């Protein structure tokens, strides 16, 4: 089976991380894998470092131009299944599949984001054999998959918890943060821009209660000047260190006592699992995504209200109980290992691509 992941964005997104982990895992299971990504993207370099076959695509190209280039590639490489993540990608790949006379397209939906098809997506479903991948049974139950030729499949996000045991710890001195008090690591990407202000306002209230706490914010766009100005405007600029997107993000997370997740989609899911694998209890706003990964009161604290006064009260009690935090961290690690293993993710991908790669069903009527 020859499978391609097609990603036409430049960033080192959670979606790119999922694609890289799946491609490496499926390659180890004997599948022939290709990653099509933008020239100079983080994914390109990471895929090459992982010794995965990489194809450079030109993101600014038109849909028609990208389709023609891809048609030749699909024929030359005899690709059976392509996994995409956006409507534009689905339209390009489906058109190329139709012209090449081969293959199936799987649209992977980020965790708990829902799927809305616009004109391009509806056209893509008609012109190529297509299916949907979701990350949980709950999403599958809520999904309207009418008209999709390939039955939808569940492909959970998973991690190899044993790989986190070798993650080194960065000292607080190296991070230039206070040597005492509770250190919180906040995993951020642009999807968290509406949630991180709640954290800033909560910090302001914690400071009035004399709770000794400092936050390090890391991840794509986490060193944006607007975030710094927002924190300063609320009087907590001195309580927050903005680190940006770092290659050693796991080592930074390990240096903290608690993890705070504000992002959503793939980035939010991986942030929850990263903290859990590192034995860090998780603080996060209550949502379908965080409820799926975090057991409230057992592996972390889910905040039900966006009112900072209620949030601060819950967190102050949590932060003042180190033994409780340690127990939650251990429970988080056990939960990640038991329920969100990388092998379960690879099983899901393998089942999905095997079903989609049925050559007798490629012809679209």
Protein backbone atom coordinates (compact mmCIF):
# COMPACT_ATOMS: atom_id res chain seq x y z
CA UNK A 1 0.00 0.00 0.00
CA UNK A 2 1.40 3.40 -1.01
CA UNK A 3 -0.01 6.21 1.09
CA UNK A 4 0.57 9.97 0.86
CA UNK A 5 -0.04 12.69 3.43
CA UNK A 6 -0.71 15.97 1.63
CA UNK A 7 -0.21 19.14 3.73
CA UNK A 8 -0.15 22.53 2.06
CA UNK A 9 0.62 24.75 5.07
CA UNK A 10 3.99 26.07 6.21
CA UNK A 11 3.78 25.78 9.98
CA UNK A 12 4.76 23.03 12.38
CA UNK A 13 1.11 22.49 13.26
CA UNK A 14 -0.46 19.74 15.32
CA UNK A 15 -1.81 18.34 12.05
CA UNK A 16 1.72 18.09 10.72
CA UNK A 17 2.81 16.32 13.88
CA UNK A 18 0.01 13.77 13.53
CA UNK A 19 0.92 13.16 9.89
CA UNK A 20 4.60 12.69 10.69
CA UNK A 21 3.93 10.25 13.54
CA UNK A 22 1.46 8.26 11.44
CA UNK A 23 3.74 8.16 8.40
CA UNK A 24 6.72 6.97 10.45
CA UNK A 25 4.62 4.35 12.22
CA UNK A 26 3.00 3.01 9.06
CA UNK A 27 6.36 2.90 7.31
CA UNK A 28 7.66 0.74 10.17
CA UNK A 29 4.71 -1.58 9.53
CA UNK A 30 5.72 -2.04 5.92
CA UNK A 31 3.61 0.55 4.11
CA UNK A 32 5.20 2.78 1.48
CA UNK A 33 4.79 6.35 2.70
CA UNK A 34 5.09 9.76 1.03
CA UNK A 35 4.75 13.20 2.61
CA UNK A 36 3.87 16.05 0.25
CA UNK A 37 4.57 19.38 1.95
CA UNK A 38 5.73 22.92 1.27
CA UNK A 39 9.34 23.68 0.50
CA UNK A 40 11.09 25.02 3.59
CA UNK A 41 8.31 24.04 5.99
CA UNK A 42 9.03 22.54 9.40
CA UNK A 43 7.33 19.36 8.28
CA UNK A 44 9.71 18.97 5.33
CA UNK A 45 12.77 19.09 7.56
CA UNK A 46 11.28 16.80 10.20
CA UNK A 47 10.17 14.29 7.58
CA UNK A 48 13.65 14.20 6.08
CA UNK A 49 15.17 13.81 9.55
CA UNK A 50 12.86 10.82 10.03
CA UNK A 51 14.08 9.43 6.68
CA UNK A 52 10.60 9.59 5.16
CA UNK A 53 10.25 10.16 1.43
CA UNK A 54 9.27 13.78 0.92
CA UNK A 55 7.73 15.56 -2.07
CA UNK A 56 7.87 19.36 -2.25
CA UNK A 57 4.66 21.11 -3.31
CA UNK A 58 4.12 24.73 -4.26
CA UNK A 59 1.48 26.14 -1.92
CA UNK A 60 0.85 29.44 -3.78
CA UNK A 61 -0.07 27.60 -6.97
CA UNK A 62 -3.66 27.66 -8.19
CA UNK A 63 -5.96 24.71 -7.63
CA UNK A 64 -5.78 23.79 -11.33
CA UNK A 65 -1.98 24.09 -11.44
CA UNK A 66 -1.56 22.04 -8.28
CA UNK A 67 -3.95 19.43 -9.65
CA UNK A 68 -1.99 18.93 -12.86
CA UNK A 69 1.31 18.63 -11.02
CA UNK A 70 -0.17 16.15 -8.58
CA UNK A 71 -1.79 14.03 -11.29
CA UNK A 72 1.63 13.21 -12.74
CA UNK A 73 3.01 12.44 -9.29
CA UNK A 74 0.13 10.10 -8.41
CA UNK A 75 0.69 8.13 -11.61
CA UNK A 76 4.46 7.98 -11.33
CA UNK A 77 4.45 6.92 -7.66
CA UNK A 78 1.34 4.71 -7.99
CA UNK A 79 -0.25 6.27 -4.91
CA UNK A 80 -3.25 4.35 -3.57
CA UNK A 81 -4.54 6.64 -0.82
CA UNK A 82 -3.98 10.33 -0.01
CA UNK A 83 -4.82 11.82 3.39
CA UNK A 84 -5.70 15.54 3.46
CA UNK A 85 -6.93 17.94 6.11
CA UNK A 86 -8.55 20.96 4.44
CA UNK A 87 -11.21 21.53 1.82
CA UNK A 88 -8.74 23.10 -0.61
CA UNK A 89 -6.42 20.12 -0.27
CA UNK A 90 -9.33 17.75 -0.75
CA UNK A 91 -10.39 19.49 -3.96
CA UNK A 92 -6.85 19.48 -5.38
CA UNK A 93 -6.18 15.86 -4.54
CA UNK A 94 -9.62 14.62 -5.60
CA UNK A 95 -9.28 16.36 -8.97
CA UNK A 96 -5.83 14.86 -9.45
CA UNK A 97 -7.08 11.41 -8.48
CA UNK A 98 -9.89 11.68 -11.02
CA UNK A 99 -7.51 12.69 -13.79
CA UNK A 100 -5.00 10.02 -12.84
CA UNK A 101 -7.72 7.36 -12.80
CA UNK A 102 -6.67 5.92 -9.47
CA UNK A 103 -6.79 6.13 -5.72
CA UNK A 104 -8.93 7.34 -2.83
CA UNK A 105 -8.93 10.48 -0.68
CA UNK A 106 -9.38 10.53 3.10
CA UNK A 107 -10.27 13.84 4.78
CA UNK A 108 -8.97 13.86 8.34
CA UNK A 109 -10.97 16.13 10.67
CA UNK A 110 -9.02 17.65 13.62
CA UNK A 111 -10.32 16.57 17.05
CA UNK A 112 -13.71 18.00 17.97
CA UNK A 113 -13.72 20.74 15.34
CA UNK A 114 -16.63 19.43 13.26
CA UNK A 115 -16.85 19.27 9.48
CA UNK A 116 -18.69 21.72 7.24
CA UNK A 117 -18.53 21.15 3.50
CA UNK A 118 -18.68 24.15 1.21
CA UNK A 119 -18.97 24.10 -2.55
CA UNK A 120 -15.41 22.89 -3.15
CA UNK A 121 -15.74 20.08 -0.65
CA UNK A 122 -19.04 18.87 -2.07
CA UNK A 123 -17.51 18.84 -5.53
CA UNK A 124 -14.49 16.91 -4.26
CA UNK A 125 -16.71 14.19 -2.81
CA UNK A 126 -18.42 13.73 -6.18
CA UNK A 127 -15.30 13.48 -8.31
CA UNK A 128 -13.20 11.01 -6.30
CA UNK A 129 -13.75 8.15 -3.91
CA UNK A 130 -13.62 9.87 -0.52
CA UNK A 131 -13.97 9.19 3.19
CA UNK A 132 -13.75 10.95 6.55
CA UNK A 133 -11.45 10.27 9.49
CA UNK A 134 -12.42 11.45 12.99
CA UNK A 135 -10.65 10.95 16.30
CA UNK A 136 -13.37 9.55 18.58
CA UNK A 137 -16.56 7.50 18.67
CA UNK A 138 -18.45 10.56 19.91
CA UNK A 139 -17.48 12.53 16.80
CA UNK A 140 -18.42 9.57 14.63
CA UNK A 141 -21.89 9.47 16.18
CA UNK A 142 -22.40 13.20 15.57
CA UNK A 143 -21.06 13.09 12.00
CA UNK A 144 -23.26 13.54 8.95
CA UNK A 145 -21.41 11.34 6.45
CA UNK A 146 -24.17 11.02 3.89
CA UNK A 147 -22.88 10.99 0.32
CA UNK A 148 -19.33 9.94 1.17
CA UNK A 149 -18.46 6.74 -0.76
CA UNK A 150 -16.08 5.40 1.91
CA UNK A 151 -17.58 4.78 5.39
CA UNK A 152 -16.15 7.12 8.05
CA UNK A 153 -13.52 5.72 10.39
CA UNK A 154 -12.17 6.53 13.84
CA UNK A 155 -8.45 7.26 13.99
CA UNK A 156 -7.51 8.42 17.51
CA UNK A 157 -4.53 10.58 18.32
CA UNK A 158 -1.95 8.67 20.31
CA UNK A 159 1.58 8.93 21.65
CA UNK A 160 4.38 6.61 22.72
CA UNK A 161 4.57 7.41 26.43
CA UNK A 162 7.84 5.50 26.86
CA UNK A 163 9.62 7.99 24.58
CA UNK A 164 8.98 10.74 27.15
CA UNK A 165 11.10 9.00 29.76
CA UNK A 166 14.26 10.19 28.01
CA UNK A 167 13.17 13.84 27.83
CA UNK A 168 15.68 15.99 29.70
CA UNK A 169 14.68 18.85 32.00
CA UNK A 170 15.67 22.47 31.49
CA UNK A 171 16.50 24.24 34.74
CA UNK A 172 14.59 27.27 35.90
CA UNK A 173 17.81 29.23 35.77
CA UNK A 174 18.14 28.45 32.07
CA UNK A 175 14.56 29.58 31.50
CA UNK A 176 15.17 32.75 33.51
CA UNK A 177 12.12 32.24 35.70
CA UNK A 178 11.70 32.39 39.52
CA UNK A 179 13.45 29.55 41.33
CA UNK A 180 10.58 29.03 43.78
CA UNK A 181 6.82 28.92 43.53
CA UNK A 182 4.60 26.96 41.16
CA UNK A 183 5.70 26.99 37.52
CA UNK A 184 2.95 26.54 34.93
CA UNK A 185 3.72 25.72 31.29
CA UNK A 186 1.06 26.97 28.87
CA UNK A 187 0.98 25.24 25.48
CA UNK A 188 -0.22 27.77 22.91
CA UNK A 189 -0.96 28.16 19.24
CA UNK A 190 -3.19 30.64 17.41
CA UNK A 191 -6.29 28.54 18.12
CA UNK A 192 -5.87 29.53 21.78
CA UNK A 193 -6.01 33.28 21.26
CA UNK A 194 -9.51 33.51 22.79
CA UNK A 195 -8.68 31.32 25.80
CA UNK A 196 -5.33 32.71 26.90
CA UNK A 197 -6.81 36.03 28.13
CA UNK A 198 -8.74 33.99 30.73
CA UNK A 199 -5.41 32.69 31.99
CA UNK A 200 -3.98 36.22 32.19
CA UNK A 201 -6.98 37.48 34.18
CA UNK A 202 -6.78 34.44 36.46
CA UNK A 203 -3.11 35.18 37.13
CA UNK A 204 -4.01 38.72 38.11
CA UNK A 205 -6.45 37.42 40.71
CA UNK A 206 -4.00 34.79 41.96
CA UNK A 207 -1.45 37.55 42.53
CA UNK A 208 -3.90 39.38 44.81
CA UNK A 209 -4.24 36.17 46.83
CA UNK A 210 -0.44 36.01 47.17
CA UNK A 211 -0.23 32.72 45.29
CA UNK A 212 3.36 32.38 44.09
CA UNK A 213 3.07 31.34 40.48
CA UNK A 214 4.82 31.98 37.18
CA UNK A 215 3.75 30.97 33.67
CA UNK A 216 5.88 30.09 30.66
CA UNK A 217 4.04 30.26 27.34
CA UNK A 218 5.43 28.22 24.46
CA UNK A 219 4.37 27.10 21.02
CA UNK A 220 3.77 28.64 17.58
CA UNK A 221 3.13 32.41 17.80
CA UNK A 222 3.48 32.38 21.59
CA UNK A 223 6.00 35.23 21.47
CA UNK A 224 3.62 37.53 19.61
CA UNK A 225 3.78 41.12 20.80
CA UNK A 226 0.00 41.29 21.18
CA UNK A 227 0.15 38.58 23.84
CA UNK A 228 2.85 40.47 25.71
CA UNK A 229 0.85 43.70 25.58
CA UNK A 230 -2.31 41.94 26.77
CA UNK A 231 -0.49 40.44 29.75
CA UNK A 232 1.10 43.79 30.59
CA UNK A 233 -2.24 45.58 30.33
CA UNK A 234 -3.65 43.23 32.95
CA UNK A 235 -0.66 43.78 35.21
CA UNK A 236 0.76 40.25 34.92
CA UNK A 237 3.56 40.83 32.43
CA UNK A 238 6.13 40.10 35.15
CA UNK A 239 4.43 36.76 35.87
CA UNK A 240 4.63 35.47 32.30
CA UNK A 241 7.61 34.46 30.15
CA UNK A 242 6.94 34.07 26.42
CA UNK A 243 9.29 31.52 24.86
CA UNK A 244 8.03 31.14 21.29
CA UNK A 245 8.10 27.92 19.27
CA UNK A 246 10.97 25.79 20.53
CA UNK A 247 12.33 22.49 19.28
CA UNK A 248 12.92 21.44 22.91
CA UNK A 249 9.32 22.15 23.96
CA UNK A 250 9.02 18.84 25.81
CA UNK A 251 12.04 19.67 27.97
CA UNK A 252 10.46 23.03 28.78
CA UNK A 253 7.19 21.31 29.70
CA UNK A 254 9.04 18.90 31.98
CA UNK A 255 10.52 21.82 33.92
CA UNK A 256 7.02 22.92 34.98
CA UNK A 257 4.80 21.69 37.81
CA UNK A 258 1.51 22.01 35.93
CA UNK A 259 0.39 22.23 32.31
CA UNK A 260 -2.24 24.68 31.04
CA UNK A 261 -3.80 23.99 27.63
CA UNK A 262 -5.53 26.80 25.74
CA UNK A 263 -5.27 25.52 22.16
CA UNK A 264 -7.78 23.38 20.29
CA UNK A 265 -7.81 20.77 17.52
CA UNK A 266 -4.69 18.68 16.99
CA UNK A 267 -2.52 21.15 18.90
CA UNK A 268 -4.80 20.97 21.93
CA UNK A 269 -4.98 17.18 21.85
CA UNK A 270 -1.21 16.76 21.64
CA UNK A 271 -0.68 19.36 24.38
CA UNK A 272 -2.94 17.41 26.74
CA UNK A 273 -1.18 14.15 25.94
CA UNK A 274 2.30 15.67 26.20
CA UNK A 275 1.64 16.98 29.69
CA UNK A 276 0.00 13.72 30.72
CA UNK A 277 2.93 11.63 29.47
CA UNK A 278 5.30 13.91 31.41
CA UNK A 279 3.25 13.31 34.58
CA UNK A 280 1.96 16.87 34.62
CA UNK A 281 -1.62 17.52 35.77
CA UNK A 282 -3.54 19.56 33.21
CA UNK A 283 -5.53 22.75 33.61
CA UNK A 284 -7.82 23.50 30.66
CA UNK A 285 -11.20 25.06 29.87
CA UNK A 286 -13.97 22.48 29.81
CA UNK A 287 -14.80 21.47 26.23
CA UNK A 288 -15.58 18.27 24.34
CA UNK A 289 -11.88 17.98 23.46
CA UNK A 290 -10.50 18.44 26.98
CA UNK A 291 -13.20 16.20 28.45
CA UNK A 292 -12.09 13.48 26.05
CA UNK A 293 -8.44 13.59 27.16
CA UNK A 294 -8.50 14.92 30.73
CA UNK A 295 -10.41 13.22 33.56
CA UNK A 296 -11.59 16.17 35.66
CA UNK A 297 -10.43 15.90 39.26
CA UNK A 298 -8.33 12.82 38.48
CA UNK A 299 -5.73 13.83 35.87
CA UNK A 300 -6.31 17.57 35.96
CA UNK A 301 -8.78 20.40 36.46
CA UNK A 302 -11.32 21.44 33.83
CA UNK A 303 -12.59 24.98 34.25
CA UNK A 304 -16.33 25.28 33.71
CA UNK A 305 -16.61 29.05 33.88
CA UNK A 306 -14.85 31.80 31.95
CA UNK A 307 -15.33 34.10 34.95
CA UNK A 308 -11.77 34.58 36.29
CA UNK A 309 -12.98 34.88 39.90
CA UNK A 310 -14.36 31.34 39.84
CA UNK A 311 -11.37 30.11 37.86
CA UNK A 312 -8.90 31.64 40.30
CA UNK A 313 -10.64 30.05 43.27
CA UNK A 314 -10.46 26.57 41.73
CA UNK A 315 -6.85 26.95 40.68
CA UNK A 316 -5.66 28.47 43.96
CA UNK A 317 -6.87 25.40 45.84
CA UNK A 318 -5.31 23.11 43.25
CA UNK A 319 -1.93 24.85 43.26
CA UNK A 320 -1.69 24.82 47.04
CA UNK A 321 -1.86 21.00 47.20
CA UNK A 322 1.43 19.58 45.84
CA UNK A 323 0.64 16.01 46.88
CA UNK A 324 -2.66 16.17 45.00
CA UNK A 325 -0.88 17.53 41.92
CA UNK A 326 1.65 14.70 42.05
CA UNK A 327 -1.10 12.08 42.31
CA UNK A 328 -2.93 13.65 39.37
CA UNK A 329 0.27 13.66 37.33
CA UNK A 330 0.81 9.96 37.92
CA UNK A 331 -2.81 9.23 37.04
CA UNK A 332 -2.42 11.31 33.88
CA UNK A 333 0.57 9.26 32.76
CA UNK A 334 -1.31 6.00 33.35
CA UNK A 335 -4.34 7.29 31.43
CA UNK A 336 -2.24 8.39 28.45
CA UNK A 337 -0.49 5.03 28.32
CA UNK A 338 -3.69 3.04 28.68
CA UNK A 339 -6.16 4.95 26.51
CA UNK A 340 -4.15 7.05 24.05
CA UNK A 341 -1.27 4.88 22.87
CA UNK A 342 0.45 5.43 19.55
CA UNK A 343 -0.30 1.83 18.57
CA UNK A 344 -4.04 2.56 18.72
CA UNK A 345 -3.53 5.53 16.40
CA UNK A 346 -1.52 3.45 13.94
CA UNK A 347 -4.11 0.67 14.04
CA UNK A 348 -6.77 3.23 13.12
CA UNK A 349 -4.78 4.68 10.23
CA UNK A 350 -3.86 1.24 8.95
CA UNK A 351 -7.46 0.03 8.97
CA UNK A 352 -8.65 3.21 7.23
CA UNK A 353 -6.08 3.21 4.43
CA UNK A 354 -6.51 -0.52 3.84
CA UNK A 355 -10.26 -0.09 3.39
CA UNK A 356 -9.81 2.99 1.17
CA UNK A 357 -7.15 1.26 -0.92
CA UNK A 358 -9.56 -1.34 -2.29
CA UNK A 359 -8.80 -0.95 -6.00
CA UNK A 360 -12.04 -2.60 -7.10
CA UNK A 361 -13.96 0.37 -5.68
CA UNK A 362 -11.92 3.25 -7.12
CA UNK A 363 -14.23 4.06 -10.00
CA UNK A 364 -16.48 6.96 -9.07
CA UNK A 365 -19.95 6.88 -10.63
